[in-house]
Amino acid sequence: MKWFVIIFLFYNFNLSAQIRPVLSQYMLHQSTYNPGYSDPDTRFAINGFYKRQWVTHNNFPEAGIIYGHYNLNESHGVGAVISNDLMNGVNFFEFGINYTYNIPVFYEANLGLGLKAAFSEQNLLNKSLIHFDPEPLLDNSTTFTYLNAGLGLSLTSPRFNLFVSAPYLFGNSFLNQKSTYTLKNNQFYLNIGYKFRNDDWFIFYPTALITAVQGATIHGKFNSNFLISQLVWAGLGVSTDLTLNVCLGVFSMGGIRVVYSVDTSILTSHKSTGITHEFSLSYAKTLNQNPFHKRRTRGVTGGYNKK
């Protein structure tokens, strides 16, 4: 069975490059896939994230991510992302550094342009495989490291958010070291969202994430999110494959966020994959009272100043 899984993975990874995890909590963790975003309303932030997929099966995907950023001033921000994605002996590790340049473009809106430089490693743990016939692929080293890079753009405002990125320019053909530095099979991310506000005490925040890879079916996630009393976060979502998502979290006024979400495949054609769990813990030192709060004061010229 393990050998069949590896053949299946090898076939899919080389043809459609579906090798990057897509988070159900994407709307809260844009910096994990977009170097063009370091929240301009925070001085710094640190985040931990864990994802466990298809828990009814043994040795199926799990991913851990630690990331954060520090805004040096209103224009320049730096960040780091450490991620480790493991699936039944197939391992992806990456350590990346992000740089974001923030530009105020119009009333309370910010344009972020970002670059990522990263050290990446792909690894196939041969000892976890069971095979009966000699296979040249498994006789050679299946671990290699390489440099990676990424690009990102963000447009954020009190109501509308737009994120576009290609966070992994290289290393998108798994187990094919010769193709490491080709630009084929790049994965592109498009994330949009709009906040409907009621005096900041009730925010309805619908979001969508579209991911596209050459040769693969476009995948989408669509979520309805709610922030109640600047304290309780709740959400419902559906993916294009009919995976359902439920999310619940707590936002403290001190900048701590604890969020848990669960996906179920009960309505999908692959319902036997079971459920997926995500858990995240975050802390941000905000420039405002709350990451979702916008406070304005009247300036001496009659215009508004952000606080």
C-alpha atoms as a PDB file:
ATOM      1  CA  MET A   1       0.000   0.000   0.000  1.00  0.00           C
ATOM      2  CA  LYS A   2       2.801   2.421   0.855  1.00  0.00           C
ATOM      3  CA  TRP A   3       4.472   1.723  -2.473  1.00  0.00           C
ATOM      4  CA  PHE A   4       1.205   2.474  -4.280  1.00  0.00           C
ATOM      5  CA  VAL A   5       0.911   5.762  -2.385  1.00  0.00           C
ATOM      6  CA  ILE A   6       4.423   6.811  -3.413  1.00  0.00           C
ATOM      7  CA  ILE A   7       3.755   5.984  -7.081  1.00  0.00           C
ATOM      8  CA  PHE A   8       0.538   8.016  -6.863  1.00  0.00           C
ATOM      9  CA  LEU A   9       2.382  10.943  -5.283  1.00  0.00           C
ATOM     10  CA  PHE A  10       5.233  10.828  -7.761  1.00  0.00           C
ATOM     11  CA  TYR A  11       2.817  10.877 -10.699  1.00  0.00           C
ATOM     12  CA  ASN A  12       0.797  13.789  -9.352  1.00  0.00           C
ATOM     13  CA  PHE A  13       3.723  15.858  -8.114  1.00  0.00           C
ATOM     14  CA  ASN A  14       5.495  15.793 -11.466  1.00  0.00           C
ATOM     15  CA  LEU A  15       2.459  16.412 -13.649  1.00  0.00           C
ATOM     16  CA  SER A  16       0.477  18.977 -11.716  1.00  0.00           C
ATOM     17  CA  ALA A  17       2.769  20.159  -8.909  1.00  0.00           C
ATOM     18  CA  GLN A  18       0.083  19.918  -6.237  1.00  0.00           C
ATOM     19  CA  ILE A  19       2.735  19.756  -3.539  1.00  0.00           C
ATOM     20  CA  ARG A  20       2.045  22.844  -1.446  1.00  0.00           C
ATOM     21  CA  PRO A  21      -0.354  22.875   1.502  1.00  0.00           C
ATOM     22  CA  VAL A  22      -3.381  25.156   1.208  1.00  0.00           C
ATOM     23  CA  LEU A  23      -4.611  26.416   4.569  1.00  0.00           C
ATOM     24  CA  SER A  24      -8.281  26.595   5.493  1.00  0.00           C
ATOM     25  CA  GLN A  25      -7.332  29.506   7.780  1.00  0.00           C
ATOM     26  CA  TYR A  26      -5.722  31.304   4.829  1.00  0.00           C
ATOM     27  CA  MET A  27      -7.535  34.592   5.570  1.00  0.00           C
ATOM     28  CA  LEU A  28      -5.691  34.859   8.909  1.00  0.00           C
ATOM     29  CA  HIS A  29      -2.248  33.689   7.735  1.00  0.00           C
ATOM     30  CA  GLN A  30      -1.552  35.491   4.466  1.00  0.00           C
ATOM     31  CA  SER A  31       2.147  35.886   5.269  1.00  0.00           C
ATOM     32  CA  THR A  32       2.648  32.112   4.957  1.00  0.00           C
ATOM     33  CA  TYR A  33       2.019  32.297   1.206  1.00  0.00           C
ATOM     34  CA  ASN A  34       2.463  35.991   0.369  1.00  0.00           C
ATOM     35  CA  PRO A  35       5.766  37.792   1.038  1.00  0.00           C
ATOM     36  CA  GLY A  36       4.035  41.024  -0.001  1.00  0.00           C
ATOM     37  CA  TYR A  37       2.099  41.200   3.260  1.00  0.00           C
ATOM     38  CA  SER A  38       3.360  42.187   6.698  1.00  0.00           C
ATOM     39  CA  ASP A  39       0.334  43.593   8.498  1.00  0.00           C
ATOM     40  CA  PRO A  40       0.880  47.387   8.423  1.00  0.00           C
ATOM     41  CA  ASP A  41      -1.312  47.780  11.517  1.00  0.00           C
ATOM     42  CA  THR A  42       1.137  45.831  13.699  1.00  0.00           C
ATOM     43  CA  ARG A  43       4.634  46.493  14.965  1.00  0.00           C
ATOM     44  CA  PHE A  44       5.455  42.780  15.074  1.00  0.00           C
ATOM     45  CA  ALA A  45       3.743  39.387  15.169  1.00  0.00           C
ATOM     46  CA  ILE A  46       4.651  35.762  15.884  1.00  0.00           C
ATOM     47  CA  ASN A  47       2.477  32.825  14.808  1.00  0.00           C
ATOM     48  CA  GLY A  48       2.401  29.065  15.193  1.00  0.00           C
ATOM     49  CA  PHE A  49       0.289  26.830  12.969  1.00  0.00           C
ATOM     50  CA  TYR A  50      -0.365  23.077  12.808  1.00  0.00           C
ATOM     51  CA  LYS A  51      -2.366  21.152  10.185  1.00  0.00           C
ATOM     52  CA  ARG A  52      -3.252  17.443  10.316  1.00  0.00           C
ATOM     53  CA  GLN A  53      -5.035  16.076   7.278  1.00  0.00           C
ATOM     54  CA  TRP A  54      -7.187  12.988   6.800  1.00  0.00           C
ATOM     55  CA  VAL A  55      -6.949  11.833  10.414  1.00  0.00           C
ATOM     56  CA  THR A  56      -8.786   8.566   9.727  1.00  0.00           C
ATOM     57  CA  HIS A  57      -5.648   7.350   7.891  1.00  0.00           C
ATOM     58  CA  ASN A  58      -2.178   6.591   9.197  1.00  0.00           C
ATOM     59  CA  ASN A  59       0.895   8.537   8.091  1.00  0.00           C
ATOM     60  CA  PHE A  60      -1.001  11.082   6.047  1.00  0.00           C
ATOM     61  CA  PRO A  61      -0.165  14.764   5.731  1.00  0.00           C
ATOM     62  CA  GLU A  62       0.712  17.024   8.599  1.00  0.00           C
ATOM     63  CA  ALA A  63       2.345  20.431   8.417  1.00  0.00           C
ATOM     64  CA  GLY A  64       3.829  22.812  10.959  1.00  0.00           C
ATOM     65  CA  ILE A  65       4.566  26.476  10.321  1.00  0.00           C
ATOM     66  CA  ILE A  66       6.204  29.120  12.504  1.00  0.00           C
ATOM     67  CA  TYR A  67       6.339  32.604  11.075  1.00  0.00           C
ATOM     68  CA  GLY A  68       6.432  36.250  12.042  1.00  0.00           C
ATOM     69  CA  HIS A  69       7.269  39.758  10.942  1.00  0.00           C
ATOM     70  CA  TYR A  70       8.590  43.069  12.228  1.00  0.00           C
ATOM     71  CA  ASN A  71       7.713  46.399  10.650  1.00  0.00           C
ATOM     72  CA  LEU A  72      10.801  48.594  10.858  1.00  0.00           C
ATOM     73  CA  ASN A  73       8.723  51.667  10.006  1.00  0.00           C
ATOM     74  CA  GLU A  74       5.688  52.576   7.903  1.00  0.00           C
ATOM     75  CA  SER A  75       7.481  51.602   4.675  1.00  0.00           C
ATOM     76  CA  HIS A  76       9.700  48.608   5.431  1.00  0.00           C
ATOM     77  CA  GLY A  77       8.918  45.247   6.999  1.00  0.00           C
ATOM     78  CA  VAL A  78      10.888  42.011   7.364  1.00  0.00           C
ATOM     79  CA  GLY A  79       9.690  38.536   8.239  1.00  0.00           C
ATOM     80  CA  ALA A  80      10.604  34.865   8.440  1.00  0.00           C
ATOM     81  CA  VAL A  81       8.738  31.628   7.708  1.00  0.00           C
ATOM     82  CA  ILE A  82       9.783  28.125   8.808  1.00  0.00           C
ATOM     83  CA  SER A  83       7.621  25.315   7.449  1.00  0.00           C
ATOM     84  CA  ASN A  84       7.799  21.532   7.515  1.00  0.00           C
ATOM     85  CA  ASP A  85       5.324  19.426   5.528  1.00  0.00           C
ATOM     86  CA  LEU A  86       5.393  15.637   5.980  1.00  0.00           C
ATOM     87  CA  MET A  87       3.361  12.924   4.257  1.00  0.00           C
ATOM     88  CA  ASN A  88       4.172   9.247   4.667  1.00  0.00           C
ATOM     89  CA  GLY A  89       7.903   9.657   4.207  1.00  0.00           C
ATOM     90  CA  VAL A  90       7.691  12.595   1.807  1.00  0.00           C
ATOM     91  CA  ASN A  91       9.090  15.710   3.473  1.00  0.00           C
ATOM     92  CA  PHE A  92       9.317  19.372   2.462  1.00  0.00           C
ATOM     93  CA  PHE A  93      11.247  21.814   4.635  1.00  0.00           C
ATOM     94  CA  GLU A  94      11.728  25.522   4.030  1.00  0.00           C
ATOM     95  CA  PHE A  95      13.243  28.479   5.837  1.00  0.00           C
ATOM     96  CA  GLY A  96      12.464  31.794   4.184  1.00  0.00           C
ATOM     97  CA  ILE A  97      13.115  35.492   4.757  1.00  0.00           C
ATOM     98  CA  ASN A  98      10.564  38.039   3.529  1.00  0.00           C
ATOM     99  CA  TYR A  99      10.976  41.721   2.746  1.00  0.00           C
ATOM    100  CA  THR A 100       7.897  43.917   2.293  1.00  0.00           C
ATOM    101  CA  TYR A 101       7.749  47.489   1.037  1.00  0.00           C
ATOM    102  CA  ASN A 102       4.541  49.273   2.062  1.00  0.00           C
ATOM    103  CA  ILE A 103       3.153  52.207   0.091  1.00  0.00           C
ATOM    104  CA  PRO A 104       0.114  54.269   1.165  1.00  0.00           C
ATOM    105  CA  VAL A 105      -1.891  54.593  -2.058  1.00  0.00           C
ATOM    106  CA  PHE A 106      -5.201  56.241  -1.151  1.00  0.00           C
ATOM    107  CA  TYR A 107      -7.505  56.833   1.794  1.00  0.00           C
ATOM    108  CA  GLU A 108      -6.401  54.376   4.517  1.00  0.00           C
ATOM    109  CA  ALA A 109      -5.240  51.822   1.931  1.00  0.00           C
ATOM    110  CA  ASN A 110      -1.821  50.200   1.738  1.00  0.00           C
ATOM    111  CA  LEU A 111      -0.002  48.547  -1.168  1.00  0.00           C
ATOM    112  CA  GLY A 112       2.562  45.948  -0.151  1.00  0.00           C
ATOM    113  CA  LEU A 113       5.241  44.624  -2.512  1.00  0.00           C
ATOM    114  CA  GLY A 114       7.308  41.693  -1.313  1.00  0.00           C
ATOM    115  CA  LEU A 115      10.191  39.368  -2.075  1.00  0.00           C
ATOM    116  CA  LYS A 116      11.149  36.080  -0.454  1.00  0.00           C
ATOM    117  CA  ALA A 117      14.523  34.334  -0.362  1.00  0.00           C
ATOM    118  CA  ALA A 118      14.498  30.803   1.034  1.00  0.00           C
ATOM    119  CA  PHE A 119      16.460  27.638   1.695  1.00  0.00           C
ATOM    120  CA  SER A 120      14.426  24.548   0.754  1.00  0.00           C
ATOM    121  CA  GLU A 121      14.832  20.788   1.093  1.00  0.00           C
ATOM    122  CA  GLN A 122      12.942  17.879  -0.446  1.00  0.00           C
ATOM    123  CA  ASN A 123      13.313  14.459   1.091  1.00  0.00           C
ATOM    124  CA  LEU A 124      11.926  10.979   0.433  1.00  0.00           C
ATOM    125  CA  LEU A 125      12.501   8.721   3.445  1.00  0.00           C
ATOM    126  CA  ASN A 126      13.285   5.401   1.748  1.00  0.00           C
ATOM    127  CA  LYS A 127      13.194   3.424   5.004  1.00  0.00           C
ATOM    128  CA  SER A 128       9.462   4.059   5.276  1.00  0.00           C
ATOM    129  CA  LEU A 129       8.737   2.349   1.939  1.00  0.00           C
ATOM    130  CA  ILE A 130       7.903  -1.271   1.234  1.00  0.00           C
ATOM    131  CA  HIS A 131       8.771  -2.493  -2.271  1.00  0.00           C
ATOM    132  CA  PHE A 132       9.588  -5.871  -3.729  1.00  0.00           C
ATOM    133  CA  ASP A 133      11.242  -5.138  -7.066  1.00  0.00           C
ATOM    134  CA  PRO A 134      14.446  -3.146  -7.583  1.00  0.00           C
ATOM    135  CA  GLU A 135      13.684   0.460  -8.387  1.00  0.00           C
ATOM    136  CA  PRO A 136      16.504   2.729  -9.655  1.00  0.00           C
ATOM    137  CA  LEU A 137      14.765   5.795  -8.267  1.00  0.00           C
ATOM    138  CA  LEU A 138      15.124   4.432  -4.742  1.00  0.00           C
ATOM    139  CA  ASP A 139      18.768   3.399  -5.157  1.00  0.00           C
ATOM    140  CA  ASN A 140      19.941   6.999  -5.469  1.00  0.00           C
ATOM    141  CA  SER A 141      19.853   9.871  -3.039  1.00  0.00           C
ATOM    142  CA  THR A 142      16.375  11.338  -2.814  1.00  0.00           C
ATOM    143  CA  THR A 143      17.281  14.276  -0.587  1.00  0.00           C
ATOM    144  CA  PHE A 144      18.422  17.552  -2.082  1.00  0.00           C
ATOM    145  CA  THR A 145      18.541  21.191  -1.067  1.00  0.00           C
ATOM    146  CA  TYR A 146      18.229  24.329  -3.136  1.00  0.00           C
ATOM    147  CA  LEU A 147      17.589  28.058  -2.956  1.00  0.00           C
ATOM    148  CA  ASN A 148      14.087  29.314  -3.522  1.00  0.00           C
ATOM    149  CA  ALA A 149      12.374  32.654  -4.051  1.00  0.00           C
ATOM    150  CA  GLY A 150       8.892  34.139  -4.073  1.00  0.00           C
ATOM    151  CA  LEU A 151       6.952  37.245  -5.058  1.00  0.00           C
ATOM    152  CA  GLY A 152       3.864  38.831  -3.557  1.00  0.00           C
ATOM    153  CA  LEU A 153       1.542  41.804  -3.710  1.00  0.00           C
ATOM    154  CA  SER A 154      -1.113  42.934  -1.255  1.00  0.00           C
ATOM    155  CA  LEU A 155      -3.670  45.727  -1.249  1.00  0.00           C
ATOM    156  CA  THR A 156      -5.279  46.219   2.155  1.00  0.00           C
ATOM    157  CA  SER A 157      -7.769  48.727   3.546  1.00  0.00           C
ATOM    158  CA  PRO A 158     -10.293  48.857   6.412  1.00  0.00           C
ATOM    159  CA  ARG A 159     -12.809  47.091   4.146  1.00  0.00           C
ATOM    160  CA  PHE A 160     -11.236  45.502   1.064  1.00  0.00           C
ATOM    161  CA  ASN A 161      -8.245  43.134   0.878  1.00  0.00           C
ATOM    162  CA  LEU A 162      -6.502  41.684  -2.182  1.00  0.00           C
ATOM    163  CA  PHE A 163      -3.516  39.320  -2.147  1.00  0.00           C
ATOM    164  CA  VAL A 164      -1.668  37.939  -5.203  1.00  0.00           C
ATOM    165  CA  SER A 165       1.460  35.800  -4.930  1.00  0.00           C
ATOM    166  CA  ALA A 166       3.757  33.169  -6.380  1.00  0.00           C
ATOM    167  CA  PRO A 167       5.536  32.097  -3.181  1.00  0.00           C
ATOM    168  CA  TYR A 168       7.547  29.153  -4.589  1.00  0.00           C
ATOM    169  CA  LEU A 169       9.265  30.039  -7.862  1.00  0.00           C
ATOM    170  CA  PHE A 170      11.498  26.943  -7.826  1.00  0.00           C
ATOM    171  CA  GLY A 171      11.433  23.317  -6.712  1.00  0.00           C
ATOM    172  CA  ASN A 172       7.951  22.584  -8.026  1.00  0.00           C
ATOM    173  CA  SER A 173       8.754  19.227  -9.704  1.00  0.00           C
ATOM    174  CA  PHE A 174       9.094  16.762  -6.879  1.00  0.00           C
ATOM    175  CA  LEU A 175      11.981  14.244  -7.065  1.00  0.00           C
ATOM    176  CA  ASN A 176      13.301  15.958 -10.185  1.00  0.00           C
ATOM    177  CA  GLN A 177      16.476  17.746  -9.154  1.00  0.00           C
ATOM    178  CA  LYS A 178      17.382  18.624 -12.747  1.00  0.00           C
ATOM    179  CA  SER A 179      14.239  20.744 -12.984  1.00  0.00           C
ATOM    180  CA  THR A 180      14.715  22.505  -9.658  1.00  0.00           C
ATOM    181  CA  TYR A 181      15.384  25.955 -11.111  1.00  0.00           C
ATOM    182  CA  THR A 182      12.837  25.923 -13.906  1.00  0.00           C
ATOM    183  CA  LEU A 183       9.799  28.184 -13.602  1.00  0.00           C
ATOM    184  CA  LYS A 184       7.360  25.467 -14.652  1.00  0.00           C
ATOM    185  CA  ASN A 185       4.518  24.332 -12.395  1.00  0.00           C
ATOM    186  CA  ASN A 186       4.455  27.506 -10.335  1.00  0.00           C
ATOM    187  CA  GLN A 187       1.574  27.754  -7.908  1.00  0.00           C
ATOM    188  CA  PHE A 188      -0.294  31.072  -7.935  1.00  0.00           C
ATOM    189  CA  TYR A 189      -2.492  32.365  -5.127  1.00  0.00           C
ATOM    190  CA  LEU A 190      -5.308  34.920  -5.394  1.00  0.00           C
ATOM    191  CA  ASN A 191      -7.093  35.885  -2.178  1.00  0.00           C
ATOM    192  CA  ILE A 192      -9.803  38.549  -1.899  1.00  0.00           C
ATOM    193  CA  GLY A 193     -12.016  39.641   0.977  1.00  0.00           C
ATOM    194  CA  TYR A 194     -14.384  42.422   1.971  1.00  0.00           C
ATOM    195  CA  LYS A 195     -15.326  43.510   5.509  1.00  0.00           C
ATOM    196  CA  PHE A 196     -18.900  44.603   6.177  1.00  0.00           C
ATOM    197  CA  ARG A 197     -18.666  46.571   9.431  1.00  0.00           C
ATOM    198  CA  ASN A 198     -21.201  47.520  12.076  1.00  0.00           C
ATOM    199  CA  ASP A 199     -19.271  49.920  14.337  1.00  0.00           C
ATOM    200  CA  ASP A 200     -16.477  47.331  14.590  1.00  0.00           C
ATOM    201  CA  TRP A 201     -18.585  45.240  17.002  1.00  0.00           C
ATOM    202  CA  PHE A 202     -19.898  42.985  14.283  1.00  0.00           C
ATOM    203  CA  ILE A 203     -17.833  42.341  11.159  1.00  0.00           C
ATOM    204  CA  PHE A 204     -18.909  40.066   8.330  1.00  0.00           C
ATOM    205  CA  TYR A 205     -15.845  39.140   6.267  1.00  0.00           C
ATOM    206  CA  PRO A 206     -16.469  36.941   3.189  1.00  0.00           C
ATOM    207  CA  THR A 207     -13.237  35.729   1.579  1.00  0.00           C
ATOM    208  CA  ALA A 208     -12.120  33.583  -1.335  1.00  0.00           C
ATOM    209  CA  LEU A 209      -8.825  31.882  -2.165  1.00  0.00           C
ATOM    210  CA  ILE A 210      -8.030  30.631  -5.667  1.00  0.00           C
ATOM    211  CA  THR A 211      -4.924  28.502  -6.311  1.00  0.00           C
ATOM    212  CA  ALA A 212      -3.780  27.614  -9.807  1.00  0.00           C
ATOM    213  CA  VAL A 213      -1.019  25.351 -11.129  1.00  0.00           C
ATOM    214  CA  GLN A 214      -0.189  24.669 -14.767  1.00  0.00           C
ATOM    215  CA  GLY A 215      -1.758  21.354 -15.787  1.00  0.00           C
ATOM    216  CA  ALA A 216      -3.972  21.073 -12.708  1.00  0.00           C
ATOM    217  CA  THR A 217      -7.570  21.931 -11.945  1.00  0.00           C
ATOM    218  CA  ILE A 218      -8.055  25.374 -10.400  1.00  0.00           C
ATOM    219  CA  HIS A 219      -8.915  25.023  -6.725  1.00  0.00           C
ATOM    220  CA  GLY A 220     -11.014  27.478  -4.755  1.00  0.00           C
ATOM    221  CA  LYS A 221     -12.046  28.062  -1.153  1.00  0.00           C
ATOM    222  CA  PHE A 222     -14.963  30.329  -0.233  1.00  0.00           C
ATOM    223  CA  ASN A 223     -15.576  31.383   3.367  1.00  0.00           C
ATOM    224  CA  SER A 224     -18.034  33.449   5.384  1.00  0.00           C
ATOM    225  CA  ASN A 225     -16.247  34.791   8.464  1.00  0.00           C
ATOM    226  CA  PHE A 226     -17.598  36.732  11.429  1.00  0.00           C
ATOM    227  CA  LEU A 227     -15.884  38.727  14.175  1.00  0.00           C
ATOM    228  CA  ILE A 228     -18.241  39.443  17.061  1.00  0.00           C
ATOM    229  CA  SER A 229     -17.516  42.069  19.751  1.00  0.00           C
ATOM    230  CA  GLN A 230     -13.853  42.103  18.660  1.00  0.00           C
ATOM    231  CA  LEU A 231     -13.592  38.820  20.572  1.00  0.00           C
ATOM    232  CA  VAL A 232     -15.194  35.769  18.926  1.00  0.00           C
ATOM    233  CA  TRP A 233     -14.165  34.597  15.455  1.00  0.00           C
ATOM    234  CA  ALA A 234     -16.415  32.154  13.591  1.00  0.00           C
ATOM    235  CA  GLY A 235     -16.528  30.923  10.017  1.00  0.00           C
ATOM    236  CA  LEU A 236     -18.101  28.540   7.541  1.00  0.00           C
ATOM    237  CA  GLY A 237     -16.557  27.582   4.218  1.00  0.00           C
ATOM    238  CA  VAL A 238     -16.714  25.319   1.198  1.00  0.00           C
ATOM    239  CA  SER A 239     -14.117  24.307  -1.398  1.00  0.00           C
ATOM    240  CA  THR A 240     -14.624  23.590  -5.081  1.00  0.00           C
ATOM    241  CA  ASP A 241     -14.382  19.857  -4.308  1.00  0.00           C
ATOM    242  CA  LEU A 242     -17.234  20.321  -1.747  1.00  0.00           C
ATOM    243  CA  THR A 243     -14.994  20.029   1.299  1.00  0.00           C
ATOM    244  CA  LEU A 244     -16.783  21.797   4.168  1.00  0.00           C
ATOM    245  CA  ASN A 245     -15.015  23.923   6.788  1.00  0.00           C
ATOM    246  CA  VAL A 246     -16.033  25.167  10.237  1.00  0.00           C
ATOM    247  CA  CYS A 247     -13.828  27.580  12.173  1.00  0.00           C
ATOM    248  CA  LEU A 248     -13.970  29.030  15.695  1.00  0.00           C
ATOM    249  CA  GLY A 249     -11.537  31.269  17.526  1.00  0.00           C
ATOM    250  CA  VAL A 250     -10.948  33.861  20.225  1.00  0.00           C
ATOM    251  CA  PHE A 251      -9.258  37.234  19.683  1.00  0.00           C
ATOM    252  CA  SER A 252      -8.072  38.983  22.841  1.00  0.00           C
ATOM    253  CA  MET A 253      -7.648  42.740  23.168  1.00  0.00           C
ATOM    254  CA  GLY A 254      -4.049  42.019  24.125  1.00  0.00           C
ATOM    255  CA  GLY A 255      -3.262  40.732  20.629  1.00  0.00           C
ATOM    256  CA  ILE A 256      -3.515  36.961  21.202  1.00  0.00           C
ATOM    257  CA  ARG A 257      -5.487  34.840  18.743  1.00  0.00           C
ATOM    258  CA  VAL A 258      -6.405  31.179  19.194  1.00  0.00           C
ATOM    259  CA  VAL A 259      -8.201  29.603  16.231  1.00  0.00           C
ATOM    260  CA  TYR A 260      -9.308  26.036  15.489  1.00  0.00           C
ATOM    261  CA  SER A 261     -10.869  24.769  12.273  1.00  0.00           C
ATOM    262  CA  VAL A 262     -12.030  21.416  10.947  1.00  0.00           C
ATOM    263  CA  ASP A 263     -12.641  20.245   7.374  1.00  0.00           C
ATOM    264  CA  THR A 264     -14.849  17.323   6.421  1.00  0.00           C
ATOM    265  CA  SER A 265     -14.932  15.480   3.098  1.00  0.00           C
ATOM    266  CA  ILE A 266     -18.356  13.926   3.694  1.00  0.00           C
ATOM    267  CA  LEU A 267     -19.885  15.553   0.585  1.00  0.00           C
ATOM    268  CA  THR A 268     -16.905  14.990  -1.707  1.00  0.00           C
ATOM    269  CA  SER A 269     -16.117  12.192  -4.135  1.00  0.00           C
ATOM    270  CA  HIS A 270     -13.161  11.278  -1.872  1.00  0.00           C
ATOM    271  CA  LYS A 271     -15.204  11.128   1.348  1.00  0.00           C
ATOM    272  CA  SER A 272     -13.034   8.312   2.726  1.00  0.00           C
ATOM    273  CA  THR A 273     -10.236  10.823   3.427  1.00  0.00           C
ATOM    274  CA  GLY A 274     -12.097  11.838   6.585  1.00  0.00           C
ATOM    275  CA  ILE A 275     -11.494  15.099   8.409  1.00  0.00           C
ATOM    276  CA  THR A 276      -8.679  17.633   8.655  1.00  0.00           C
ATOM    277  CA  HIS A 277      -7.778  19.745  11.689  1.00  0.00           C
ATOM    278  CA  GLU A 278      -5.995  23.107  11.843  1.00  0.00           C
ATOM    279  CA  PHE A 279      -4.889  24.937  14.983  1.00  0.00           C
ATOM    280  CA  SER A 280      -3.132  28.281  15.216  1.00  0.00           C
ATOM    281  CA  LEU A 281      -1.826  30.471  18.024  1.00  0.00           C
ATOM    282  CA  SER A 282      -0.785  34.034  17.276  1.00  0.00           C
ATOM    283  CA  TYR A 283       0.390  37.159  19.042  1.00  0.00           C
ATOM    284  CA  ALA A 284       0.608  40.611  17.495  1.00  0.00           C
ATOM    285  CA  LYS A 285       1.712  43.943  18.930  1.00  0.00           C
ATOM    286  CA  THR A 286      -0.775  46.179  17.179  1.00  0.00           C
ATOM    287  CA  LEU A 287      -0.649  49.861  16.372  1.00  0.00           C
ATOM    288  CA  ASN A 288      -4.434  49.943  16.831  1.00  0.00           C
ATOM    289  CA  GLN A 289      -6.609  48.538  19.601  1.00  0.00           C
ATOM    290  CA  ASN A 290      -7.224  45.301  17.692  1.00  0.00           C
ATOM    291  CA  PRO A 291      -6.002  43.812  14.386  1.00  0.00           C
ATOM    292  CA  PHE A 292      -9.490  44.306  12.912  1.00  0.00           C
ATOM    293  CA  HIS A 293     -10.082  47.749  14.497  1.00  0.00           C
ATOM    294  CA  LYS A 294      -9.505  51.065  12.717  1.00  0.00           C
ATOM    295  CA  ARG A 295      -9.454  54.252  14.804  1.00  0.00           C
ATOM    296  CA  ARG A 296      -9.217  57.701  13.237  1.00  0.00           C
ATOM    297  CA  THR A 297      -8.680  61.200  14.661  1.00  0.00           C
ATOM    298  CA  ARG A 298      -9.137  64.567  13.029  1.00  0.00           C
ATOM    299  CA  GLY A 299      -5.849  66.263  12.096  1.00  0.00           C
ATOM    300  CA  VAL A 300      -5.061  69.948  12.248  1.00  0.00           C
ATOM    301  CA  THR A 301      -5.633  70.257   8.501  1.00  0.00           C
ATOM    302  CA  GLY A 302      -9.065  68.707   8.759  1.00  0.00           C
ATOM    303  CA  GLY A 303      -7.993  65.331   7.337  1.00  0.00           C
ATOM    304  CA  TYR A 304      -7.974  62.022   9.158  1.00  0.00           C
ATOM    305  CA  ASN A 305      -4.924  60.513  10.821  1.00  0.00           C
ATOM    306  CA  LYS A 306      -4.594  56.772  11.413  1.00  0.00           C
ATOM    307  CA  LYS A 307      -3.871  55.656  14.959  1.00  0.00           C
END
